[in-house]
Protein backbone atom coordinates (compact mmCIF):
# COMPACT_ATOMS: atom_id res chain seq x y z
CA MET A 1 -26.52 10.79 -43.52
CA ASN A 2 -26.45 11.50 -47.25
CA VAL A 3 -27.09 8.47 -49.46
CA GLU A 4 -26.34 8.00 -53.17
CA VAL A 5 -27.49 4.86 -54.94
CA ASN A 6 -26.64 3.93 -58.51
CA PHE A 7 -29.78 2.61 -60.20
CA GLY A 8 -28.05 1.82 -63.50
CA ASN A 9 -26.06 3.63 -66.16
CA ASN A 10 -28.54 3.37 -69.03
CA CYS A 11 -29.49 6.54 -70.87
CA ASN A 12 -31.68 7.48 -73.80
CA LEU A 13 -28.99 9.83 -75.17
CA ASN A 14 -25.42 9.30 -76.31
CA CYS A 15 -23.61 12.54 -75.49
CA GLU A 16 -19.95 12.51 -76.51
CA TYR A 17 -18.81 14.26 -73.32
CA CYS A 18 -20.79 12.22 -70.77
CA PHE A 19 -18.75 10.49 -68.08
CA VAL A 20 -21.40 7.75 -67.64
CA LYS A 21 -20.57 6.39 -71.12
CA LYS A 22 -17.29 5.15 -69.65
CA PHE A 23 -19.19 2.67 -67.48
CA ASP A 24 -21.20 -0.42 -68.36
CA THR A 25 -24.45 1.05 -69.68
CA ASP A 26 -26.00 -2.40 -70.12
CA LEU A 27 -25.67 -3.17 -66.43
CA GLU A 28 -29.07 -4.35 -65.22
CA ILE A 29 -29.58 -4.30 -61.47
CA SER A 30 -32.50 -6.29 -60.09
CA SER A 31 -35.29 -4.71 -58.06
CA ASP A 32 -34.53 -7.17 -55.24
CA TYR A 33 -31.11 -5.58 -54.87
CA PHE A 34 -32.66 -2.17 -54.14
CA ILE A 35 -35.03 -3.71 -51.58
CA LYS A 36 -31.97 -5.24 -49.86
CA ILE A 37 -30.25 -1.85 -49.80
CA ALA A 38 -33.38 -0.22 -48.34
CA ASN A 39 -33.55 -2.93 -45.64
CA TRP A 40 -29.86 -2.45 -44.89
CA LEU A 41 -30.57 1.27 -44.33
CA LYS A 42 -33.65 0.63 -42.13
CA ASN A 43 -32.11 2.19 -38.99
CA VAL A 44 -30.40 5.07 -40.76
CA LYS A 45 -31.86 8.59 -40.78
CA ILE A 46 -31.32 9.76 -44.33
CA GLU A 47 -31.03 13.52 -44.65
CA HIS A 48 -30.45 13.66 -48.39
CA PHE A 49 -31.00 11.01 -51.07
CA ARG A 50 -29.57 11.20 -54.57
CA PRO A 51 -30.13 8.52 -57.21
CA VAL A 52 -27.15 8.43 -59.56
CA GLY A 53 -26.14 6.66 -62.76
CA GLY A 54 -27.57 7.34 -66.20
CA GLU A 55 -30.93 8.97 -66.91
CA PRO A 56 -33.02 8.47 -63.71
CA THR A 57 -36.34 8.51 -65.55
CA LEU A 58 -35.40 5.16 -67.12
CA ASN A 59 -35.08 3.71 -63.61
CA ILE A 60 -37.82 5.68 -61.88
CA LYS A 61 -39.82 2.58 -60.89
CA LYS A 62 -36.75 1.16 -59.12
CA ILE A 63 -36.18 4.49 -57.38
CA ASP A 64 -39.83 4.43 -56.29
CA LEU A 65 -39.49 0.84 -55.04
CA PHE A 66 -36.37 1.78 -53.07
CA LEU A 67 -38.10 4.76 -51.43
CA MET A 68 -41.22 2.70 -50.71
CA ASN A 69 -39.11 0.15 -48.82
CA LEU A 70 -37.15 2.65 -46.74
CA LYS A 71 -38.33 2.66 -43.15
CA SER A 72 -37.29 6.29 -42.66
CA LYS A 73 -37.86 8.50 -45.70
CA PRO A 74 -35.23 11.09 -46.62
CA LYS A 75 -35.86 14.75 -45.86
CA ALA A 76 -34.37 15.88 -49.17
CA MET A 77 -33.79 14.47 -52.62
CA THR A 78 -31.93 15.62 -55.73
CA ILE A 79 -32.35 14.08 -59.17
CA VAL A 80 -30.20 15.08 -62.13
CA THR A 81 -31.86 14.47 -65.49
CA ASN A 82 -31.17 15.14 -69.15
CA GLY A 83 -34.64 16.71 -69.34
CA THR A 84 -36.02 14.60 -72.17
CA MET A 85 -38.83 13.05 -70.08
CA LEU A 86 -39.69 15.77 -67.59
CA GLU A 87 -43.43 15.03 -67.41
CA ILE A 88 -42.84 11.42 -66.34
CA LEU A 89 -40.26 12.46 -63.79
CA VAL A 90 -42.46 15.20 -62.29
CA LYS A 91 -45.33 12.70 -61.89
CA TYR A 92 -43.12 10.59 -59.63
CA LEU A 93 -41.69 13.59 -57.79
CA LYS A 94 -45.26 14.55 -56.85
CA LYS A 95 -45.70 11.07 -55.41
CA PHE A 96 -42.42 11.33 -53.49
CA TYR A 97 -43.53 14.66 -52.06
CA PHE A 98 -47.13 13.83 -51.15
CA LEU A 99 -46.97 10.10 -50.37
CA TYR A 100 -43.45 9.73 -48.94
CA GLY A 101 -43.24 13.18 -47.36
CA ILE A 102 -39.96 14.20 -48.99
CA ARG A 103 -40.35 17.95 -48.60
CA ASN A 104 -37.14 19.21 -50.18
CA ILE A 105 -36.96 17.97 -53.79
CA THR A 106 -34.56 19.37 -56.37
CA LEU A 107 -34.82 18.48 -60.03
CA ALA A 108 -31.59 19.47 -61.78
CA CYS A 109 -31.77 19.43 -65.57
CA SER A 110 -28.63 19.32 -67.70
CA ILE A 111 -28.71 21.80 -70.55
CA ASP A 112 -25.43 21.48 -72.35
CA ARG A 113 -25.85 23.46 -75.54
CA LEU A 114 -27.48 26.71 -76.46
CA GLY A 115 -29.89 26.45 -79.36
CA TYR A 116 -30.42 23.13 -81.12
CA ASP A 117 -29.02 20.16 -79.21
CA LYS A 118 -28.19 17.31 -81.58
CA TYR A 119 -28.35 14.74 -78.74
CA ARG A 120 -31.78 15.76 -77.48
CA LYS A 121 -32.99 16.61 -80.99
CA ILE A 122 -34.73 19.70 -79.64
CA ASP A 123 -33.82 23.30 -78.98
CA SER A 124 -32.45 23.77 -75.46
CA PHE A 125 -34.69 26.80 -75.02
CA GLU A 126 -37.72 24.49 -75.40
CA THR A 127 -36.44 22.51 -72.41
CA ILE A 128 -35.82 25.69 -70.42
CA THR A 129 -39.34 26.91 -71.28
CA LYS A 130 -40.77 23.56 -70.13
CA ILE A 131 -38.86 23.81 -66.85
CA LEU A 132 -40.23 27.30 -66.23
CA GLU A 133 -43.78 26.06 -66.95
CA LEU A 134 -43.35 23.12 -64.57
CA LYS A 135 -41.90 25.45 -61.94
CA GLU A 136 -45.18 27.41 -62.04
CA LEU A 137 -47.30 24.24 -61.79
CA TYR A 138 -45.23 22.55 -59.08
CA PRO A 139 -43.80 25.20 -56.76
CA PHE A 140 -42.82 22.55 -54.19
CA ILE A 141 -40.12 21.24 -56.57
CA ASN A 142 -36.86 23.18 -56.77
CA PHE A 143 -35.85 23.30 -60.42
CA SER A 144 -32.29 24.03 -61.42
CA ILE A 145 -30.35 23.91 -64.65
CA ASN A 146 -26.89 22.35 -64.84
CA ARG A 147 -24.34 22.67 -67.56
CA VAL A 148 -21.48 20.28 -68.26
CA VAL A 149 -18.18 22.06 -68.71
CA SER A 150 -15.36 20.00 -70.19
CA ASP A 151 -12.18 20.67 -72.08
CA GLN A 152 -14.13 19.83 -75.25
CA LYS A 153 -16.27 22.86 -74.57
CA GLU A 154 -13.78 25.50 -73.38
CA LYS A 155 -15.16 28.02 -75.86
CA GLU A 156 -18.59 27.69 -74.27
CA LEU A 157 -17.41 29.10 -70.93
CA GLU A 158 -18.25 32.56 -72.20
CA GLU A 159 -21.72 31.36 -73.19
CA LEU A 160 -22.12 29.85 -69.72
CA ALA A 161 -21.85 33.32 -68.22
CA ARG A 162 -24.40 34.63 -70.73
CA ASP A 163 -26.74 31.69 -69.97
CA LYS A 164 -26.82 32.71 -66.34
CA LYS A 165 -27.95 36.19 -67.33
CA VAL A 166 -30.62 34.79 -69.65
CA LEU A 167 -31.94 32.40 -66.97
CA ALA A 168 -31.91 35.10 -64.31
CA ILE A 169 -34.50 37.01 -66.36
CA GLY A 170 -36.93 34.06 -66.13
CA GLU A 171 -36.56 33.65 -62.36
């Protein structure tokens, strides 16, 4: 079974195109709630786990608590992040790999603009460089880069194709 759990919609960015902004970003879900969900899933074999909502790094302790309380740990996990706190996230992913035995971990980072990103207040190539460095240090984590495509960004479709060529060089 594949399981997705929303750990909250809070985010440290305010991207104009983000679908999460349409939901209650102040929603605070108690840690007890995630323990109840883990107990409810105690007899379920989870193949793939995906925490969803806003920026997962802001809820990483709740994600950890949820995984800690699962009787049967998932075989695979995917986390989508905005990439602004990669070092914190990777620290926990190491724990999930070594302590909880989750052997197939994917960290998908959203890179939505080429060059300077006004929401992240850094150059997107700095984030890509960081991902490539982390990929060398932590080969057991599958790193990927996502890109939001919306009607606000139709002109960037051409750049999306070029991005793929640029990223293929670093692989």
